[in-house]
Amino acid sequence: MVVGNGMIARRFVDFVDRDDVVIFASGVSNSKEIKPEPFARERKLVEETLQQTAGRLFVYFSTASVEDPTEQGSAYVTHKLALEQLIAGQATNYLLIRASNVVGGPGNPHTILNFFVDRIRQNESFTIWKQASRNLIDLDDVYRVVTYCIDTPTTWNQTILVANPYSVSPLVLVQAIEAHTGRQAQYQLVDKGVPFTLSVTGISDQLQLADSNWQPVHYVTHLLKKYYA
């Protein structure tokens, strides 16, 4: 069973007919959301789905933003943490997937790579937080790690951080997009943000950390060629 119709839900389409697993990939897509209604809708859907699918492995996509110092106490992070607690308390078995910035192509305008690509292609001005760091991971890499966890019961009933072993500065992202598109970005650097790292030791075997393709500039260039031709 798959709940949702967005990028992540579509990638897990082969689980639609599974009667032992619930992929819950429906919810608030904008991490800057502050209105209570979208959060209430997601919570209600989670509660209803838990009741309807008792006994199944419940896979919930949360967010790695809980590790971001600048997002502590935000409405989005507070909401995600509350749903994690709800699922852990009610599901027979669960996987709480704290994913970083998942990249799967154009679509959601709120993701950082889509935002930068759109601004540059439309020649619109934007700001870059000079001290910030962001963590991008390919949707296919997320799928590979999550399906491994689903097939490995020893990983169940845990919170799994699924992220890139390397974070990257927004300025490096923008420079990579400039090189990819051949367009010059119109931006202002502002002295804001806090750099932070994400530990992916728990999924290191699945990510194959020795592969040099994870290096930031190489990985971002790969994502741009794959999804933003």
C-alpha atoms as a PDB file:
ATOM      1  CA  MET A   1       0.000   0.000   0.000  1.00  0.00           C
ATOM      2  CA  VAL A   2       1.230   3.474  -0.899  1.00  0.00           C
ATOM      3  CA  VAL A   3      -0.346   6.629   0.537  1.00  0.00           C
ATOM      4  CA  GLY A   4       0.363   9.730  -1.529  1.00  0.00           C
ATOM      5  CA  ASN A   5       0.827  10.757  -5.150  1.00  0.00           C
ATOM      6  CA  GLY A   6       3.968  12.861  -5.065  1.00  0.00           C
ATOM      7  CA  MET A   7       7.537  12.169  -6.131  1.00  0.00           C
ATOM      8  CA  ILE A   8       8.387   9.717  -3.350  1.00  0.00           C
ATOM      9  CA  ALA A   9       5.061   7.903  -3.563  1.00  0.00           C
ATOM     10  CA  ARG A  10       5.484   7.422  -7.318  1.00  0.00           C
ATOM     11  CA  ARG A  11       8.978   6.004  -6.868  1.00  0.00           C
ATOM     12  CA  PHE A  12       7.579   3.356  -4.488  1.00  0.00           C
ATOM     13  CA  VAL A  13       4.754   2.376  -6.846  1.00  0.00           C
ATOM     14  CA  ASP A  14       5.838  -1.273  -6.755  1.00  0.00           C
ATOM     15  CA  PHE A  15       4.574  -1.386  -3.153  1.00  0.00           C
ATOM     16  CA  VAL A  16       0.999  -0.450  -4.136  1.00  0.00           C
ATOM     17  CA  ASP A  17      -0.175  -4.069  -4.074  1.00  0.00           C
ATOM     18  CA  ARG A  18       1.836  -5.119  -1.021  1.00  0.00           C
ATOM     19  CA  ASP A  19      -0.462  -6.080   1.848  1.00  0.00           C
ATOM     20  CA  ASP A  20       2.323  -6.243   4.445  1.00  0.00           C
ATOM     21  CA  VAL A  21       3.808  -2.746   4.056  1.00  0.00           C
ATOM     22  CA  VAL A  22       2.418   0.802   4.124  1.00  0.00           C
ATOM     23  CA  ILE A  23       4.491   3.500   2.419  1.00  0.00           C
ATOM     24  CA  PHE A  24       3.175   6.758   3.854  1.00  0.00           C
ATOM     25  CA  ALA A  25       4.468   9.505   1.558  1.00  0.00           C
ATOM     26  CA  SER A  26       1.666  12.034   1.768  1.00  0.00           C
ATOM     27  CA  GLY A  27       1.862  15.186   3.792  1.00  0.00           C
ATOM     28  CA  VAL A  28       3.045  18.760   4.077  1.00  0.00           C
ATOM     29  CA  SER A  29       5.476  19.389   1.206  1.00  0.00           C
ATOM     30  CA  ASN A  30       6.589  22.887   2.208  1.00  0.00           C
ATOM     31  CA  SER A  31       8.991  22.890   5.161  1.00  0.00           C
ATOM     32  CA  LYS A  32       8.260  26.609   5.671  1.00  0.00           C
ATOM     33  CA  GLU A  33       4.518  26.035   6.135  1.00  0.00           C
ATOM     34  CA  ILE A  34       3.014  27.702   9.212  1.00  0.00           C
ATOM     35  CA  LYS A  35      -0.733  27.350   8.656  1.00  0.00           C
ATOM     36  CA  PRO A  36      -2.245  24.704  10.980  1.00  0.00           C
ATOM     37  CA  GLU A  37      -4.643  23.196   8.420  1.00  0.00           C
ATOM     38  CA  PRO A  38      -2.058  21.262   6.309  1.00  0.00           C
ATOM     39  CA  PHE A  39      -0.513  19.793   9.447  1.00  0.00           C
ATOM     40  CA  ALA A  40      -3.922  18.783  10.780  1.00  0.00           C
ATOM     41  CA  ARG A  41      -4.791  17.070   7.482  1.00  0.00           C
ATOM     42  CA  GLU A  42      -1.607  15.006   7.528  1.00  0.00           C
ATOM     43  CA  ARG A  43      -2.076  13.992  11.145  1.00  0.00           C
ATOM     44  CA  LYS A  44      -5.665  12.904  10.476  1.00  0.00           C
ATOM     45  CA  LEU A  45      -4.558  10.852   7.467  1.00  0.00           C
ATOM     46  CA  VAL A  46      -1.796   9.192   9.489  1.00  0.00           C
ATOM     47  CA  GLU A  47      -4.246   8.306  12.282  1.00  0.00           C
ATOM     48  CA  GLU A  48      -6.787   6.885   9.819  1.00  0.00           C
ATOM     49  CA  THR A  49      -4.152   4.898   7.945  1.00  0.00           C
ATOM     50  CA  LEU A  50      -2.761   3.423  11.167  1.00  0.00           C
ATOM     51  CA  GLN A  51      -6.251   2.244  12.128  1.00  0.00           C
ATOM     52  CA  GLN A  52      -6.943   0.752   8.682  1.00  0.00           C
ATOM     53  CA  THR A  53      -3.624  -1.061   8.308  1.00  0.00           C
ATOM     54  CA  ALA A  54      -2.940  -2.535  11.725  1.00  0.00           C
ATOM     55  CA  GLY A  55      -0.334  -5.274  11.634  1.00  0.00           C
ATOM     56  CA  ARG A  56       1.538  -3.930   8.608  1.00  0.00           C
ATOM     57  CA  LEU A  57       4.995  -2.386   8.575  1.00  0.00           C
ATOM     58  CA  PHE A  58       4.343   1.373   8.566  1.00  0.00           C
ATOM     59  CA  VAL A  59       7.023   3.327   6.665  1.00  0.00           C
ATOM     60  CA  TYR A  60       6.776   7.049   7.330  1.00  0.00           C
ATOM     61  CA  PHE A  61       8.800   9.744   5.571  1.00  0.00           C
ATOM     62  CA  SER A  62       9.843  12.334   8.112  1.00  0.00           C
ATOM     63  CA  THR A  63      12.631  14.895   7.677  1.00  0.00           C
ATOM     64  CA  ALA A  64      16.328  15.292   8.402  1.00  0.00           C
ATOM     65  CA  SER A  65      15.539  18.939   9.201  1.00  0.00           C
ATOM     66  CA  VAL A  66      15.230  17.875  12.827  1.00  0.00           C
ATOM     67  CA  GLU A  67      19.058  17.943  12.779  1.00  0.00           C
ATOM     68  CA  ASP A  68      19.230  21.500  11.369  1.00  0.00           C
ATOM     69  CA  PRO A  69      19.973  24.053  14.140  1.00  0.00           C
ATOM     70  CA  THR A  70      18.087  26.780  12.243  1.00  0.00           C
ATOM     71  CA  GLU A  71      14.894  24.677  12.104  1.00  0.00           C
ATOM     72  CA  GLN A  72      14.607  23.799  15.776  1.00  0.00           C
ATOM     73  CA  GLY A  73      11.132  24.663  17.025  1.00  0.00           C
ATOM     74  CA  SER A  74       9.734  25.349  13.555  1.00  0.00           C
ATOM     75  CA  ALA A  75       6.130  24.347  12.905  1.00  0.00           C
ATOM     76  CA  TYR A  76       7.232  21.764  10.334  1.00  0.00           C
ATOM     77  CA  VAL A  77       9.834  20.048  12.512  1.00  0.00           C
ATOM     78  CA  THR A  78       7.559  20.109  15.565  1.00  0.00           C
ATOM     79  CA  HIS A  79       4.810  18.499  13.482  1.00  0.00           C
ATOM     80  CA  LYS A  80       7.085  15.782  12.089  1.00  0.00           C
ATOM     81  CA  LEU A  81       8.434  14.887  15.530  1.00  0.00           C
ATOM     82  CA  ALA A  82       4.895  14.623  16.885  1.00  0.00           C
ATOM     83  CA  LEU A  83       3.891  12.232  14.094  1.00  0.00           C
ATOM     84  CA  GLU A  84       7.018  10.146  14.630  1.00  0.00           C
ATOM     85  CA  GLN A  85       6.003   9.746  18.273  1.00  0.00           C
ATOM     86  CA  LEU A  86       2.424   8.899  17.301  1.00  0.00           C
ATOM     87  CA  ILE A  87       3.498   6.207  14.828  1.00  0.00           C
ATOM     88  CA  ALA A  88       6.068   4.678  17.194  1.00  0.00           C
ATOM     89  CA  GLY A  89       3.367   4.413  19.838  1.00  0.00           C
ATOM     90  CA  GLN A  90       0.622   2.900  17.665  1.00  0.00           C
ATOM     91  CA  ALA A  91       2.140   0.943  14.759  1.00  0.00           C
ATOM     92  CA  THR A  92       2.830  -2.772  15.202  1.00  0.00           C
ATOM     93  CA  ASN A  93       6.104  -2.286  13.304  1.00  0.00           C
ATOM     94  CA  TYR A  94       7.433   0.893  11.763  1.00  0.00           C
ATOM     95  CA  LEU A  95      10.294   2.635   9.998  1.00  0.00           C
ATOM     96  CA  LEU A  96      10.701   6.373  10.511  1.00  0.00           C
ATOM     97  CA  ILE A  97      12.701   7.654   7.556  1.00  0.00           C
ATOM     98  CA  ARG A  98      14.322  11.017   8.197  1.00  0.00           C
ATOM     99  CA  ALA A  99      15.233  11.947   4.633  1.00  0.00           C
ATOM    100  CA  SER A 100      17.299  14.975   3.689  1.00  0.00           C
ATOM    101  CA  ASN A 101      16.593  17.090   0.562  1.00  0.00           C
ATOM    102  CA  VAL A 102      15.385  14.419  -1.851  1.00  0.00           C
ATOM    103  CA  VAL A 103      16.019  15.206  -5.522  1.00  0.00           C
ATOM    104  CA  GLY A 104      13.831  13.585  -8.152  1.00  0.00           C
ATOM    105  CA  GLY A 105      13.368  16.265 -10.774  1.00  0.00           C
ATOM    106  CA  PRO A 106      11.180  19.335 -11.333  1.00  0.00           C
ATOM    107  CA  GLY A 107       7.855  19.469  -9.537  1.00  0.00           C
ATOM    108  CA  ASN A 108       7.777  20.629  -5.942  1.00  0.00           C
ATOM    109  CA  PRO A 109       8.794  24.332  -6.079  1.00  0.00           C
ATOM    110  CA  HIS A 110       9.713  24.301  -2.382  1.00  0.00           C
ATOM    111  CA  THR A 111      12.740  21.979  -2.679  1.00  0.00           C
ATOM    112  CA  ILE A 112      16.046  23.824  -2.661  1.00  0.00           C
ATOM    113  CA  LEU A 113      17.373  22.535  -5.985  1.00  0.00           C
ATOM    114  CA  ASN A 114      14.085  23.197  -7.792  1.00  0.00           C
ATOM    115  CA  PHE A 115      13.979  26.676  -6.269  1.00  0.00           C
ATOM    116  CA  PHE A 116      17.484  27.584  -7.423  1.00  0.00           C
ATOM    117  CA  VAL A 117      17.035  26.062 -10.895  1.00  0.00           C
ATOM    118  CA  ASP A 118      13.742  27.913 -11.406  1.00  0.00           C
ATOM    119  CA  ARG A 119      15.153  31.266 -10.235  1.00  0.00           C
ATOM    120  CA  ILE A 120      18.194  30.971 -12.483  1.00  0.00           C
ATOM    121  CA  ARG A 121      16.237  29.874 -15.546  1.00  0.00           C
ATOM    122  CA  GLN A 122      13.765  32.723 -15.025  1.00  0.00           C
ATOM    123  CA  ASN A 123      16.575  35.224 -14.358  1.00  0.00           C
ATOM    124  CA  GLU A 124      15.041  36.164 -11.001  1.00  0.00           C
ATOM    125  CA  SER A 125      17.010  37.486  -8.054  1.00  0.00           C
ATOM    126  CA  PHE A 126      17.319  35.505  -4.811  1.00  0.00           C
ATOM    127  CA  THR A 127      19.425  35.373  -1.656  1.00  0.00           C
ATOM    128  CA  ILE A 128      21.989  32.773  -0.601  1.00  0.00           C
ATOM    129  CA  TRP A 129      22.731  32.090   3.050  1.00  0.00           C
ATOM    130  CA  LYS A 130      26.508  32.181   3.172  1.00  0.00           C
ATOM    131  CA  GLN A 131      26.954  30.076   6.337  1.00  0.00           C
ATOM    132  CA  ALA A 132      24.283  27.461   5.592  1.00  0.00           C
ATOM    133  CA  SER A 133      24.720  23.886   4.432  1.00  0.00           C
ATOM    134  CA  ARG A 134      22.274  21.664   2.608  1.00  0.00           C
ATOM    135  CA  ASN A 135      22.163  17.919   2.065  1.00  0.00           C
ATOM    136  CA  LEU A 136      20.924  16.517  -1.242  1.00  0.00           C
ATOM    137  CA  ILE A 137      20.210  12.871  -1.998  1.00  0.00           C
ATOM    138  CA  ASP A 138      18.939  11.211  -5.155  1.00  0.00           C
ATOM    139  CA  LEU A 139      15.447   9.711  -4.970  1.00  0.00           C
ATOM    140  CA  ASP A 140      16.854   6.460  -6.341  1.00  0.00           C
ATOM    141  CA  ASP A 141      19.379   6.302  -3.477  1.00  0.00           C
ATOM    142  CA  VAL A 142      16.546   6.833  -1.003  1.00  0.00           C
ATOM    143  CA  TYR A 143      14.583   4.016  -2.639  1.00  0.00           C
ATOM    144  CA  ARG A 144      17.562   1.671  -2.424  1.00  0.00           C
ATOM    145  CA  VAL A 145      18.160   2.310   1.275  1.00  0.00           C
ATOM    146  CA  VAL A 146      14.497   2.182   2.287  1.00  0.00           C
ATOM    147  CA  THR A 147      13.761  -1.029   0.399  1.00  0.00           C
ATOM    148  CA  TYR A 148      16.786  -2.610   2.067  1.00  0.00           C
ATOM    149  CA  CYS A 149      15.386  -1.613   5.468  1.00  0.00           C
ATOM    150  CA  ILE A 150      11.945  -2.955   4.590  1.00  0.00           C
ATOM    151  CA  ASP A 151      13.487  -6.295   3.658  1.00  0.00           C
ATOM    152  CA  THR A 152      15.649  -6.373   6.820  1.00  0.00           C
ATOM    153  CA  PRO A 153      13.494  -6.804   9.957  1.00  0.00           C
ATOM    154  CA  THR A 154      16.450  -6.043  12.256  1.00  0.00           C
ATOM    155  CA  THR A 155      16.164  -2.407  11.103  1.00  0.00           C
ATOM    156  CA  TRP A 156      12.468  -2.141  11.976  1.00  0.00           C
ATOM    157  CA  ASN A 157      11.092  -0.017  14.797  1.00  0.00           C
ATOM    158  CA  GLN A 158      13.888   2.494  14.418  1.00  0.00           C
ATOM    159  CA  THR A 159      14.447   6.017  13.136  1.00  0.00           C
ATOM    160  CA  ILE A 160      16.670   5.849  10.051  1.00  0.00           C
ATOM    161  CA  LEU A 161      18.520   8.912   8.759  1.00  0.00           C
ATOM    162  CA  VAL A 162      18.733   8.700   4.960  1.00  0.00           C
ATOM    163  CA  ALA A 163      21.049  11.398   3.674  1.00  0.00           C
ATOM    164  CA  ASN A 164      24.127  12.140   1.612  1.00  0.00           C
ATOM    165  CA  PRO A 165      27.408  11.596   3.499  1.00  0.00           C
ATOM    166  CA  TYR A 166      28.424  15.092   2.362  1.00  0.00           C
ATOM    167  CA  SER A 167      26.507  18.322   2.834  1.00  0.00           C
ATOM    168  CA  VAL A 168      27.125  21.242   0.501  1.00  0.00           C
ATOM    169  CA  SER A 169      26.913  25.020   0.673  1.00  0.00           C
ATOM    170  CA  PRO A 170      24.077  26.724  -1.247  1.00  0.00           C
ATOM    171  CA  LEU A 171      26.679  28.792  -3.123  1.00  0.00           C
ATOM    172  CA  VAL A 172      28.285  25.613  -4.489  1.00  0.00           C
ATOM    173  CA  LEU A 173      24.833  24.434  -5.606  1.00  0.00           C
ATOM    174  CA  VAL A 174      24.203  27.684  -7.441  1.00  0.00           C
ATOM    175  CA  GLN A 175      27.612  27.631  -9.115  1.00  0.00           C
ATOM    176  CA  ALA A 176      26.948  24.060 -10.303  1.00  0.00           C
ATOM    177  CA  ILE A 177      23.582  25.116 -11.754  1.00  0.00           C
ATOM    178  CA  GLU A 178      25.242  28.058 -13.498  1.00  0.00           C
ATOM    179  CA  ALA A 179      27.742  25.695 -15.121  1.00  0.00           C
ATOM    180  CA  HIS A 180      24.978  23.238 -16.078  1.00  0.00           C
ATOM    181  CA  THR A 181      22.586  25.806 -17.580  1.00  0.00           C
ATOM    182  CA  GLY A 182      25.102  28.281 -18.941  1.00  0.00           C
ATOM    183  CA  ARG A 183      23.177  31.044 -17.195  1.00  0.00           C
ATOM    184  CA  GLN A 184      24.438  33.540 -14.638  1.00  0.00           C
ATOM    185  CA  ALA A 185      22.491  33.625 -11.391  1.00  0.00           C
ATOM    186  CA  GLN A 186      21.261  36.878  -9.898  1.00  0.00           C
ATOM    187  CA  TYR A 187      21.804  36.542  -6.174  1.00  0.00           C
ATOM    188  CA  GLN A 188      22.885  38.329  -3.007  1.00  0.00           C
ATOM    189  CA  LEU A 189      25.005  36.665  -0.356  1.00  0.00           C
ATOM    190  CA  VAL A 190      23.729  37.234   3.182  1.00  0.00           C
ATOM    191  CA  ASP A 191      25.586  36.361   6.364  1.00  0.00           C
ATOM    192  CA  LYS A 192      23.034  33.885   7.688  1.00  0.00           C
ATOM    193  CA  GLY A 193      22.770  30.160   8.337  1.00  0.00           C
ATOM    194  CA  VAL A 194      24.559  27.569  10.447  1.00  0.00           C
ATOM    195  CA  PRO A 195      26.576  24.720   8.906  1.00  0.00           C
ATOM    196  CA  PHE A 196      25.799  21.220  10.195  1.00  0.00           C
ATOM    197  CA  THR A 197      26.599  17.632   9.311  1.00  0.00           C
ATOM    198  CA  LEU A 198      24.465  14.504   9.152  1.00  0.00           C
ATOM    199  CA  SER A 199      25.823  11.160  10.312  1.00  0.00           C
ATOM    200  CA  VAL A 200      24.929   8.321   7.952  1.00  0.00           C
ATOM    201  CA  THR A 201      26.952   5.584   9.629  1.00  0.00           C
ATOM    202  CA  GLY A 202      23.794   3.526  10.115  1.00  0.00           C
ATOM    203  CA  ILE A 203      23.336   3.132   6.342  1.00  0.00           C
ATOM    204  CA  SER A 204      26.980   3.305   5.275  1.00  0.00           C
ATOM    205  CA  ASP A 205      26.949  -0.154   3.691  1.00  0.00           C
ATOM    206  CA  GLN A 206      23.981   0.715   1.479  1.00  0.00           C
ATOM    207  CA  LEU A 207      25.472   4.072   0.446  1.00  0.00           C
ATOM    208  CA  GLN A 208      28.879   2.571  -0.400  1.00  0.00           C
ATOM    209  CA  LEU A 209      30.730   5.502   1.122  1.00  0.00           C
ATOM    210  CA  ALA A 210      34.042   4.639  -0.526  1.00  0.00           C
ATOM    211  CA  ASP A 211      32.553   5.628  -3.896  1.00  0.00           C
ATOM    212  CA  SER A 212      34.011   9.006  -4.903  1.00  0.00           C
ATOM    213  CA  ASN A 213      30.770   9.841  -6.716  1.00  0.00           C
ATOM    214  CA  TRP A 214      29.407  11.103  -3.388  1.00  0.00           C
ATOM    215  CA  GLN A 215      31.796  14.075  -3.438  1.00  0.00           C
ATOM    216  CA  PRO A 216      29.606  17.225  -3.444  1.00  0.00           C
ATOM    217  CA  VAL A 217      30.402  18.828  -6.808  1.00  0.00           C
ATOM    218  CA  HIS A 218      30.389  15.486  -8.632  1.00  0.00           C
ATOM    219  CA  TYR A 219      27.119  14.399  -7.006  1.00  0.00           C
ATOM    220  CA  VAL A 220      25.326  17.705  -7.667  1.00  0.00           C
ATOM    221  CA  THR A 221      26.500  17.677 -11.293  1.00  0.00           C
ATOM    222  CA  HIS A 222      25.167  14.116 -11.605  1.00  0.00           C
ATOM    223  CA  LEU A 223      21.769  15.183 -10.235  1.00  0.00           C
ATOM    224  CA  LEU A 224      21.550  18.129 -12.623  1.00  0.00           C
ATOM    225  CA  LYS A 225      22.381  15.969 -15.651  1.00  0.00           C
ATOM    226  CA  LYS A 226      19.954  13.264 -14.555  1.00  0.00           C
ATOM    227  CA  TYR A 227      16.917  15.371 -13.703  1.00  0.00           C
ATOM    228  CA  TYR A 228      17.398  18.809 -15.290  1.00  0.00           C
ATOM    229  CA  ALA A 229      18.504  18.144 -18.858  1.00  0.00           C
END
